[in-house]
Structures are given as structure tokens and as C-alpha cells.
């Protein structure tokens, strides 16, 4: 079984910074895509940023403020969040699209980590 463990959430004032980290553990063949989604109260879960083999997707709403980085050797991904805005407040979920040892790709989600931005 694959588990995604997140850390780094917290509460900051507008303009502040936080860095989220996520590490995948368990048995699998390889991670194809890894990144972050978020879900604000009353809203749908939305993509923040993901990293594939050779491409990166970043939401327009965070472009220029958030930076995603992936460490393939550690099966981990970080999200550095700068210039945080009240609208960034959400539960942030680590996401991974992973190829199993049996050859089947599956989506996995972390438990979520809270990011609060005071207003």
C-alpha cells in the first residue's frame, strides 16, 4: 500500500510564507506525477501544482508565488508558498499518480494539511 505523508501546514499572516512537504512510502514501481491540490471551505478541490516526468503544471492563481520541487530519489515533493493571500487558505492535499509493481497506475492522496491565512 502507498501512503502520502504531508507536513508543513500552519497559520500565517497575509504576505507570509510556508513550505509544504510530502513523501510517498510503501511498495510501488514509480511515481509518474506528484504534486499538490487544495480545497477551501465550500469549494471543490483544485490543482495547485504538479510535476510529471518532464513538465510542471502550476495554477494561474499561484503562479509567481508558489514553487513546486520534486526529489525523485526521496519520492517527495515540496511546495514553497510565498506572498500568501487569504484566498490561499485551504486544506492542501498531496497527490501522486503511481505505477504499481503489478503494472497498474493509481491515484493517491494525502490526508491533507491545513493552511490558514489571517485576514
C-alpha atoms as a PDB file:
ATOM      1  CA  UNK A   1       0.000   0.000   0.000  1.00  0.00           C
ATOM      2  CA  UNK A   2       1.127   3.529  -0.788  1.00  0.00           C
ATOM      3  CA  UNK A   3       0.907   6.313   1.723  1.00  0.00           C
ATOM      4  CA  UNK A   4       1.479  10.025   1.203  1.00  0.00           C
ATOM      5  CA  UNK A   5       2.529  11.886   4.320  1.00  0.00           C
ATOM      6  CA  UNK A   6       2.289  15.671   4.385  1.00  0.00           C
ATOM      7  CA  UNK A   7       3.852  18.204   6.693  1.00  0.00           C
ATOM      8  CA  UNK A   8       4.448  21.924   6.946  1.00  0.00           C
ATOM      9  CA  UNK A   9       0.963  23.330   7.265  1.00  0.00           C
ATOM     10  CA  UNK A  10       0.201  26.138   9.643  1.00  0.00           C
ATOM     11  CA  UNK A  11      -1.132  29.630  10.075  1.00  0.00           C
ATOM     12  CA  UNK A  12       0.429  32.788   8.673  1.00  0.00           C
ATOM     13  CA  UNK A  13      -0.492  36.391   8.077  1.00  0.00           C
ATOM     14  CA  UNK A  14      -1.107  37.666   4.558  1.00  0.00           C
ATOM     15  CA  UNK A  15       2.208  38.033   2.791  1.00  0.00           C
ATOM     16  CA  UNK A  16       3.794  35.278   4.808  1.00  0.00           C
ATOM     17  CA  UNK A  17       5.369  32.045   3.650  1.00  0.00           C
ATOM     18  CA  UNK A  18       5.034  28.344   4.274  1.00  0.00           C
ATOM     19  CA  UNK A  19       6.621  25.266   2.779  1.00  0.00           C
ATOM     20  CA  UNK A  20       4.677  22.038   2.487  1.00  0.00           C
ATOM     21  CA  UNK A  21       6.375  18.681   2.136  1.00  0.00           C
ATOM     22  CA  UNK A  22       5.074  15.313   1.050  1.00  0.00           C
ATOM     23  CA  UNK A  23       6.771  11.946   0.924  1.00  0.00           C
ATOM     24  CA  UNK A  24       5.482   8.728  -0.589  1.00  0.00           C
ATOM     25  CA  UNK A  25       6.141   5.436   1.119  1.00  0.00           C
ATOM     26  CA  UNK A  26       5.201   1.838   0.517  1.00  0.00           C
ATOM     27  CA  UNK A  27       5.590  -0.510  -2.405  1.00  0.00           C
ATOM     28  CA  UNK A  28       5.341   0.773  -5.940  1.00  0.00           C
ATOM     29  CA  UNK A  29       7.182   0.822  -9.216  1.00  0.00           C
ATOM     30  CA  UNK A  30       7.495   4.520  -9.950  1.00  0.00           C
ATOM     31  CA  UNK A  31       5.789   7.843  -9.423  1.00  0.00           C
ATOM     32  CA  UNK A  32       4.606   9.362 -12.672  1.00  0.00           C
ATOM     33  CA  UNK A  33       3.077  12.552 -11.314  1.00  0.00           C
ATOM     34  CA  UNK A  34       3.376  14.195  -7.934  1.00  0.00           C
ATOM     35  CA  UNK A  35       2.075  17.474  -6.626  1.00  0.00           C
ATOM     36  CA  UNK A  36      -0.467  19.409  -4.656  1.00  0.00           C
ATOM     37  CA  UNK A  37      -4.159  20.201  -4.716  1.00  0.00           C
ATOM     38  CA  UNK A  38      -6.159  22.304  -2.309  1.00  0.00           C
ATOM     39  CA  UNK A  39      -9.727  22.614  -1.127  1.00  0.00           C
ATOM     40  CA  UNK A  40     -11.115  25.715   0.518  1.00  0.00           C
ATOM     41  CA  UNK A  41     -14.285  25.627   2.614  1.00  0.00           C
ATOM     42  CA  UNK A  42     -17.319  25.320   0.363  1.00  0.00           C
ATOM     43  CA  UNK A  43     -15.205  24.872  -2.749  1.00  0.00           C
ATOM     44  CA  UNK A  44     -14.109  21.992  -4.922  1.00  0.00           C
ATOM     45  CA  UNK A  45     -10.645  20.577  -4.774  1.00  0.00           C
ATOM     46  CA  UNK A  46      -8.412  22.303  -7.301  1.00  0.00           C
ATOM     47  CA  UNK A  47      -4.969  21.769  -8.723  1.00  0.00           C
ATOM     48  CA  UNK A  48      -2.205  23.894  -7.271  1.00  0.00           C
ATOM     49  CA  UNK A  49       0.892  22.461  -8.916  1.00  0.00           C
ATOM     50  CA  UNK A  50       2.082  19.096 -10.178  1.00  0.00           C
ATOM     51  CA  UNK A  51       5.292  17.715 -11.601  1.00  0.00           C
ATOM     52  CA  UNK A  52       5.457  14.951 -14.170  1.00  0.00           C
ATOM     53  CA  UNK A  53       8.410  13.353 -15.863  1.00  0.00           C
ATOM     54  CA  UNK A  54       9.413  16.452 -17.771  1.00  0.00           C
ATOM     55  CA  UNK A  55       6.707  19.026 -17.244  1.00  0.00           C
ATOM     56  CA  UNK A  56       5.210  21.108 -14.486  1.00  0.00           C
ATOM     57  CA  UNK A  57       1.697  22.477 -14.152  1.00  0.00           C
ATOM     58  CA  UNK A  58       1.046  25.460 -11.917  1.00  0.00           C
ATOM     59  CA  UNK A  59      -2.315  27.091 -11.346  1.00  0.00           C
ATOM     60  CA  UNK A  60      -2.609  30.651 -12.581  1.00  0.00           C
ATOM     61  CA  UNK A  61      -3.822  31.731  -9.161  1.00  0.00           C
ATOM     62  CA  UNK A  62      -0.491  30.839  -7.553  1.00  0.00           C
ATOM     63  CA  UNK A  63       1.914  31.339 -10.436  1.00  0.00           C
ATOM     64  CA  UNK A  64       4.819  33.519  -9.428  1.00  0.00           C
ATOM     65  CA  UNK A  65       4.189  32.948  -5.730  1.00  0.00           C
ATOM     66  CA  UNK A  66       4.368  29.176  -5.273  1.00  0.00           C
ATOM     67  CA  UNK A  67       7.231  26.949  -6.319  1.00  0.00           C
ATOM     68  CA  UNK A  68       6.994  23.188  -6.607  1.00  0.00           C
ATOM     69  CA  UNK A  69      10.019  20.944  -6.429  1.00  0.00           C
ATOM     70  CA  UNK A  70      10.312  17.190  -6.637  1.00  0.00           C
ATOM     71  CA  UNK A  71      13.019  14.909  -5.329  1.00  0.00           C
ATOM     72  CA  UNK A  72      12.725  11.621  -7.172  1.00  0.00           C
ATOM     73  CA  UNK A  73      15.356   9.918  -5.039  1.00  0.00           C
ATOM     74  CA  UNK A  74      13.335  10.644  -1.904  1.00  0.00           C
ATOM     75  CA  UNK A  75       9.927  10.170  -3.538  1.00  0.00           C
ATOM     76  CA  UNK A  76       8.999  13.557  -2.197  1.00  0.00           C
ATOM     77  CA  UNK A  77       7.624  16.869  -3.345  1.00  0.00           C
ATOM     78  CA  UNK A  78       7.709  20.296  -1.730  1.00  0.00           C
ATOM     79  CA  UNK A  79       5.569  23.349  -2.247  1.00  0.00           C
ATOM     80  CA  UNK A  80       7.125  26.644  -1.275  1.00  0.00           C
ATOM     81  CA  UNK A  81       4.372  29.186  -0.813  1.00  0.00           C
ATOM     82  CA  UNK A  82       5.275  32.852  -0.702  1.00  0.00           C
ATOM     83  CA  UNK A  83       3.198  36.020  -0.543  1.00  0.00           C
ATOM     84  CA  UNK A  84       0.275  34.088   0.836  1.00  0.00           C
ATOM     85  CA  UNK A  85      -3.156  35.596   0.401  1.00  0.00           C
ATOM     86  CA  UNK A  86      -6.354  34.975   2.363  1.00  0.00           C
ATOM     87  CA  UNK A  87      -7.750  33.150  -0.659  1.00  0.00           C
ATOM     88  CA  UNK A  88      -4.903  30.643  -0.371  1.00  0.00           C
ATOM     89  CA  UNK A  89      -6.358  29.358   2.877  1.00  0.00           C
ATOM     90  CA  UNK A  90      -7.381  25.754   2.347  1.00  0.00           C
ATOM     91  CA  UNK A  91      -6.616  22.183   3.151  1.00  0.00           C
ATOM     92  CA  UNK A  92      -3.720  21.200   0.926  1.00  0.00           C
ATOM     93  CA  UNK A  93      -3.543  17.621  -0.306  1.00  0.00           C
ATOM     94  CA  UNK A  94      -0.539  15.844  -1.660  1.00  0.00           C
ATOM     95  CA  UNK A  95      -1.303  13.916  -4.837  1.00  0.00           C
ATOM     96  CA  UNK A  96       0.582  11.192  -6.629  1.00  0.00           C
ATOM     97  CA  UNK A  97      -0.124   9.137  -9.719  1.00  0.00           C
ATOM     98  CA  UNK A  98       1.831   5.975  -9.159  1.00  0.00           C
ATOM     99  CA  UNK A  99       2.560   2.865 -11.164  1.00  0.00           C
ATOM    100  CA  UNK A 100       2.211  -0.232  -9.002  1.00  0.00           C
ATOM    101  CA  UNK A 101       4.552  -3.192  -9.033  1.00  0.00           C
ATOM    102  CA  UNK A 102       1.788  -5.073 -10.843  1.00  0.00           C
ATOM    103  CA  UNK A 103       1.801  -2.506 -13.626  1.00  0.00           C
ATOM    104  CA  UNK A 104      -1.353  -0.549 -12.779  1.00  0.00           C
ATOM    105  CA  UNK A 105      -1.380   3.212 -12.271  1.00  0.00           C
ATOM    106  CA  UNK A 106      -3.382   4.617  -9.389  1.00  0.00           C
ATOM    107  CA  UNK A 107      -4.076   7.981  -7.848  1.00  0.00           C
ATOM    108  CA  UNK A 108      -3.188   8.523  -4.213  1.00  0.00           C
ATOM    109  CA  UNK A 109      -3.999  11.335  -1.812  1.00  0.00           C
ATOM    110  CA  UNK A 110      -2.511  12.509   1.411  1.00  0.00           C
ATOM    111  CA  UNK A 111      -4.663  13.173   4.431  1.00  0.00           C
ATOM    112  CA  UNK A 112      -4.452  16.933   3.948  1.00  0.00           C
ATOM    113  CA  UNK A 113      -2.654  19.659   5.829  1.00  0.00           C
ATOM    114  CA  UNK A 114      -4.290  22.917   6.867  1.00  0.00           C
ATOM    115  CA  UNK A 115      -3.010  26.255   5.643  1.00  0.00           C
ATOM    116  CA  UNK A 116      -4.593  29.256   7.318  1.00  0.00           C
ATOM    117  CA  UNK A 117      -4.020  32.853   6.263  1.00  0.00           C
ATOM    118  CA  UNK A 118      -5.275  35.564   8.577  1.00  0.00           C
ATOM    119  CA  UNK A 119      -7.304  38.422   7.223  1.00  0.00           C
END
